[in-house]
């Protein structure tokens, strides 16, 4: 009995250590398995948005289509790291391009042969030959004296907004939009860590047409306007200006699909 009572605790410790090692090995194996997609099929998981497919694996790549959430795509050979994201070569609705792979969920079995019921939002790869490219529009209140204003952006990269606001007397410091009930802002000229959350949601810095935005104009007399906005949805109490909300360096949302 004396020997058994001394041996059993050692046995239990050995079993516990072995179980811990096994769990760690399984976890590492699962992470490695999810690190890359295999050729086959995958489902778009873009949190209700669409996933952008580009001609080149880059945020500056030509936009080919916006694949609807829940659609099944064909995963092709090719996975590269560009602009801080892993880009996977895919095929959908007769087009081949590149998309951020973290919004693709690998599926088992062959790729379905049925045509998807929803058509992708196709984007022309070349400008129309019959006329110039339309100039983006910005409508709304722009406080030329400095402060916050509400406007509607006609769509496209947000780096095209400052020239439009400058023409109306507003030196633009930041723009804000709502995403999932929260405010997300982009501060022009700020370090990347300040705009980390924005870049995670909109990697190509583009917004869809008719997006409501809050513009922050600099004051000529008092210096730059504050870059914070209310942390609640419009209609609630306004927070005291301070550090821009929501700046953690989190993984991206639907790969710039808004």
Protein backbone atom coordinates (compact mmCIF):
# COMPACT_ATOMS: atom_id res chain seq x y z
CA UNK A 1 0.00 0.00 0.00
CA UNK A 2 2.84 2.37 0.81
CA UNK A 3 4.47 1.88 -2.58
CA UNK A 4 1.15 2.19 -4.47
CA UNK A 5 0.29 5.44 -2.65
CA UNK A 6 3.64 6.92 -3.69
CA UNK A 7 3.52 5.71 -7.32
CA UNK A 8 -0.07 6.75 -8.18
CA UNK A 9 0.51 10.54 -7.93
CA UNK A 10 3.48 10.20 -10.28
CA UNK A 11 1.37 8.24 -12.77
CA UNK A 12 -1.34 10.87 -12.68
CA UNK A 13 1.19 13.62 -13.33
CA UNK A 14 2.66 11.74 -16.28
CA UNK A 15 -0.82 11.18 -17.76
CA UNK A 16 -1.72 14.87 -17.32
CA UNK A 17 1.49 16.01 -19.03
CA UNK A 18 0.96 13.59 -21.93
CA UNK A 19 -2.63 14.82 -22.39
CA UNK A 20 -1.47 18.45 -22.45
CA UNK A 21 1.20 17.68 -25.05
CA UNK A 22 -1.38 15.87 -27.20
CA UNK A 23 -3.81 18.82 -27.04
CA UNK A 24 -1.07 21.25 -28.04
CA UNK A 25 -0.06 19.04 -30.95
CA UNK A 26 -3.66 18.79 -32.14
CA UNK A 27 -4.11 22.56 -31.89
CA UNK A 28 -0.93 23.22 -33.85
CA UNK A 29 -1.94 20.70 -36.46
CA UNK A 30 -5.35 22.31 -36.86
CA UNK A 31 -3.82 25.78 -37.22
CA UNK A 32 -1.39 24.56 -39.86
CA UNK A 33 -4.24 22.86 -41.71
CA UNK A 34 -6.23 26.11 -41.83
CA UNK A 35 -3.23 28.18 -42.90
CA UNK A 36 -3.75 27.62 -46.64
CA UNK A 37 -6.55 26.59 -48.99
CA UNK A 38 -6.26 23.57 -51.23
CA UNK A 39 -7.43 23.58 -54.84
CA UNK A 40 -11.11 22.68 -54.89
CA UNK A 41 -14.04 24.73 -53.68
CA UNK A 42 -14.70 27.29 -50.97
CA UNK A 43 -17.61 29.35 -49.67
CA UNK A 44 -17.45 33.14 -49.32
CA UNK A 45 -17.83 34.15 -45.65
CA UNK A 46 -17.83 37.98 -45.75
CA UNK A 47 -20.16 38.82 -42.83
CA UNK A 48 -23.09 39.61 -45.10
CA UNK A 49 -21.06 41.68 -47.56
CA UNK A 50 -19.51 40.66 -50.87
CA UNK A 51 -15.89 39.62 -51.47
CA UNK A 52 -13.86 41.60 -53.99
CA UNK A 53 -12.09 39.64 -56.71
CA UNK A 54 -9.18 41.46 -58.38
CA UNK A 55 -7.13 40.86 -61.50
CA UNK A 56 -3.87 41.13 -59.52
CA UNK A 57 -3.13 40.04 -55.91
CA UNK A 58 -2.95 43.58 -54.53
CA UNK A 59 -5.17 46.26 -53.00
CA UNK A 60 -4.44 48.24 -56.15
CA UNK A 61 -5.38 45.35 -58.44
CA UNK A 62 -8.10 45.91 -61.03
CA UNK A 63 -11.51 45.09 -59.54
CA UNK A 64 -13.22 42.33 -61.54
CA UNK A 65 -16.27 41.46 -59.45
CA UNK A 66 -17.78 41.49 -55.97
CA UNK A 67 -18.72 37.88 -55.14
CA UNK A 68 -21.91 37.66 -53.00
CA UNK A 69 -21.63 36.31 -49.47
CA UNK A 70 -22.42 32.58 -49.33
CA UNK A 71 -21.41 31.92 -52.94
CA UNK A 72 -19.25 28.92 -53.84
CA UNK A 73 -16.04 29.65 -55.73
CA UNK A 74 -13.37 27.46 -57.28
CA UNK A 75 -10.03 27.56 -55.46
CA UNK A 76 -7.10 27.48 -57.90
CA UNK A 77 -3.39 27.01 -57.27
CA UNK A 78 -1.76 30.24 -56.16
CA UNK A 79 -1.48 31.97 -52.79
CA UNK A 80 0.73 35.01 -52.20
CA UNK A 81 1.24 37.60 -49.45
CA UNK A 82 0.82 41.20 -50.65
CA UNK A 83 -0.12 44.41 -48.78
CA UNK A 84 -0.36 42.56 -45.49
CA UNK A 85 -2.93 40.00 -46.72
CA UNK A 86 -2.86 36.46 -48.11
CA UNK A 87 -4.36 36.46 -51.61
CA UNK A 88 -5.88 33.28 -53.06
CA UNK A 89 -6.39 32.71 -56.77
CA UNK A 90 -10.04 31.79 -57.41
CA UNK A 91 -12.56 31.43 -60.21
CA UNK A 92 -16.20 32.53 -60.14
CA UNK A 93 -18.90 32.97 -62.81
CA UNK A 94 -16.43 32.57 -65.65
CA UNK A 95 -13.87 35.01 -64.25
CA UNK A 96 -10.51 34.28 -62.63
CA UNK A 97 -8.83 36.58 -60.12
CA UNK A 98 -7.49 37.02 -56.59
CA UNK A 99 -9.27 37.54 -53.24
CA UNK A 100 -8.19 37.77 -49.58
CA UNK A 101 -8.25 34.14 -48.44
CA UNK A 102 -9.43 34.67 -44.86
CA UNK A 103 -12.96 35.22 -46.18
CA UNK A 104 -12.96 31.85 -47.96
CA UNK A 105 -14.02 28.71 -46.11
CA UNK A 106 -12.76 25.46 -47.62
CA UNK A 107 -15.47 22.95 -48.47
CA UNK A 108 -15.31 19.23 -49.09
CA UNK A 109 -16.40 17.57 -52.30
CA UNK A 110 -16.53 18.75 -55.92
CA UNK A 111 -17.41 22.26 -56.98
CA UNK A 112 -21.16 22.49 -57.75
CA UNK A 113 -21.96 22.88 -61.43
CA UNK A 114 -25.11 24.95 -60.93
CA UNK A 115 -25.01 28.61 -61.88
CA UNK A 116 -25.38 30.92 -58.84
CA UNK A 117 -28.74 32.65 -58.59
CA UNK A 118 -27.18 36.03 -57.81
CA UNK A 119 -24.91 37.62 -60.36
CA UNK A 120 -21.61 39.19 -59.26
CA UNK A 121 -21.28 42.93 -59.39
CA UNK A 122 -19.09 43.24 -62.46
CA UNK A 123 -16.75 46.20 -62.83
CA UNK A 124 -15.42 47.23 -66.25
CA UNK A 125 -11.69 46.66 -66.58
CA UNK A 126 -11.22 49.54 -69.02
CA UNK A 127 -12.68 53.06 -69.05
CA UNK A 128 -15.59 53.61 -71.45
CA UNK A 129 -14.39 54.66 -74.87
CA UNK A 130 -17.34 56.99 -75.46
CA UNK A 131 -16.46 59.58 -72.81
CA UNK A 132 -14.42 60.51 -69.73
CA UNK A 133 -14.59 58.68 -66.41
CA UNK A 134 -17.37 60.24 -64.28
CA UNK A 135 -16.16 62.60 -61.58
CA UNK A 136 -17.07 61.40 -58.07
CA UNK A 137 -19.63 63.48 -56.23
CA UNK A 138 -19.80 64.69 -52.65
CA UNK A 139 -23.06 66.20 -51.48
CA UNK A 140 -23.94 67.61 -48.08
CA UNK A 141 -22.87 70.10 -45.45
CA UNK A 142 -19.15 70.94 -45.37
CA UNK A 143 -18.19 73.20 -42.44
CA UNK A 144 -15.57 75.45 -44.07
CA UNK A 145 -14.96 77.12 -40.69
CA UNK A 146 -13.98 73.78 -39.18
CA UNK A 147 -15.82 71.00 -37.36
CA UNK A 148 -18.08 68.10 -38.30
CA UNK A 149 -20.40 67.82 -41.29
CA UNK A 150 -22.63 65.15 -42.81
CA UNK A 151 -22.24 64.32 -46.50
CA UNK A 152 -22.99 61.58 -49.04
CA UNK A 153 -20.03 60.14 -51.00
CA UNK A 154 -20.64 59.15 -54.62
CA UNK A 155 -18.39 56.11 -54.28
CA UNK A 156 -14.76 55.15 -54.92
CA UNK A 157 -11.40 55.62 -53.16
CA UNK A 158 -11.54 58.08 -50.28
CA UNK A 159 -8.29 59.74 -51.39
CA UNK A 160 -10.45 61.49 -54.00
CA UNK A 161 -12.51 63.23 -51.31
CA UNK A 162 -9.98 65.87 -50.06
CA UNK A 163 -9.76 67.73 -53.42
CA UNK A 164 -13.56 67.96 -53.50
CA UNK A 165 -13.78 69.31 -49.96
CA UNK A 166 -10.89 71.73 -50.55
CA UNK A 167 -12.77 73.23 -53.50
CA UNK A 168 -15.57 74.07 -51.07
CA UNK A 169 -13.32 75.59 -48.39
CA UNK A 170 -12.90 72.52 -46.16
CA UNK A 171 -9.41 71.23 -45.34
CA UNK A 172 -10.28 67.59 -44.71
CA UNK A 173 -8.74 65.90 -41.66
CA UNK A 174 -10.80 62.72 -41.34
CA UNK A 175 -13.88 60.84 -42.55
CA UNK A 176 -16.10 58.53 -40.51
CA UNK A 177 -18.69 55.90 -41.42
CA UNK A 178 -20.83 53.48 -39.46
CA UNK A 179 -20.15 49.75 -39.61
CA UNK A 180 -22.24 47.31 -37.61
CA UNK A 181 -23.57 50.13 -35.43
CA UNK A 182 -20.09 51.47 -34.58
CA UNK A 183 -18.19 54.45 -35.95
CA UNK A 184 -15.03 53.70 -37.97
CA UNK A 185 -12.78 56.58 -39.03
CA UNK A 186 -9.87 57.30 -41.34
CA UNK A 187 -7.50 60.12 -40.35
CA UNK A 188 -5.59 61.55 -43.32
CA UNK A 189 -1.82 61.61 -42.79
CA UNK A 190 -2.01 59.66 -39.51
CA UNK A 191 0.27 56.68 -38.66
CA UNK A 192 -0.96 53.30 -39.86
CA UNK A 193 -1.81 52.15 -36.32
CA UNK A 194 -4.41 54.94 -36.06
CA UNK A 195 -6.17 53.72 -39.21
CA UNK A 196 -5.68 50.00 -38.55
CA UNK A 197 -9.37 49.26 -38.01
CA UNK A 198 -10.40 51.19 -41.14
CA UNK A 199 -7.85 49.34 -43.28
CA UNK A 200 -9.06 46.02 -41.86
CA UNK A 201 -12.60 46.78 -43.08
CA UNK A 202 -11.72 48.64 -46.29
CA UNK A 203 -8.28 47.44 -47.47
CA UNK A 204 -8.53 49.34 -50.77
CA UNK A 205 -9.78 52.54 -49.09
CA UNK A 206 -12.92 52.50 -51.25
CA UNK A 207 -16.54 53.08 -50.28
CA UNK A 208 -19.61 52.11 -52.29
CA UNK A 209 -21.80 54.73 -53.91
CA UNK A 210 -24.18 56.80 -51.77
CA UNK A 211 -22.34 56.10 -48.52
CA UNK A 212 -23.21 58.52 -45.72
CA UNK A 213 -20.00 59.91 -44.20
CA UNK A 214 -19.05 62.35 -41.46
CA UNK A 215 -16.37 64.78 -42.59
CA UNK A 216 -14.01 66.55 -40.18
CA UNK A 217 -12.73 69.89 -41.47
CA UNK A 218 -9.79 71.77 -40.01
CA UNK A 219 -10.37 75.18 -38.45
CA UNK A 220 -8.19 77.95 -39.90
CA UNK A 221 -8.17 79.88 -36.62
CA UNK A 222 -7.88 77.17 -34.02
CA UNK A 223 -5.81 74.54 -35.87
CA UNK A 224 -6.86 71.02 -36.89
CA UNK A 225 -10.35 69.93 -35.99
CA UNK A 226 -10.74 67.01 -33.56
CA UNK A 227 -10.81 63.63 -35.27
CA UNK A 228 -13.16 61.82 -32.89
CA UNK A 229 -16.87 61.26 -33.41
CA UNK A 230 -19.65 60.00 -31.13
CA UNK A 231 -19.13 56.40 -30.07
CA UNK A 232 -22.87 55.80 -30.31
CA UNK A 233 -25.08 55.64 -33.38
CA UNK A 234 -26.49 58.98 -34.68
CA UNK A 235 -29.20 60.30 -32.40
CA UNK A 236 -27.43 59.51 -29.12
CA UNK A 237 -25.38 61.87 -26.95
CA UNK A 238 -22.18 63.25 -28.45
CA UNK A 239 -18.93 62.11 -26.83
CA UNK A 240 -16.17 64.54 -25.90
CA UNK A 241 -13.60 64.80 -28.73
CA UNK A 242 -10.47 62.78 -28.08
CA UNK A 243 -8.51 59.87 -29.50
CA UNK A 244 -10.24 58.34 -32.55
CA UNK A 245 -12.29 55.33 -31.49
CA UNK A 246 -11.68 51.77 -32.67
CA UNK A 247 -7.99 51.69 -33.53
CA UNK A 248 -6.95 48.10 -32.57
CA UNK A 249 -4.97 46.18 -35.16
CA UNK A 250 -7.60 43.49 -35.75
CA UNK A 251 -7.91 41.08 -38.70
CA UNK A 252 -9.73 42.64 -41.72
CA UNK A 253 -13.43 42.52 -42.38
CA UNK A 254 -14.87 41.63 -45.78
CA UNK A 255 -11.72 42.67 -47.65
CA UNK A 256 -12.81 46.15 -48.58
CA UNK A 257 -16.28 45.19 -49.63
CA UNK A 258 -18.11 48.24 -48.48
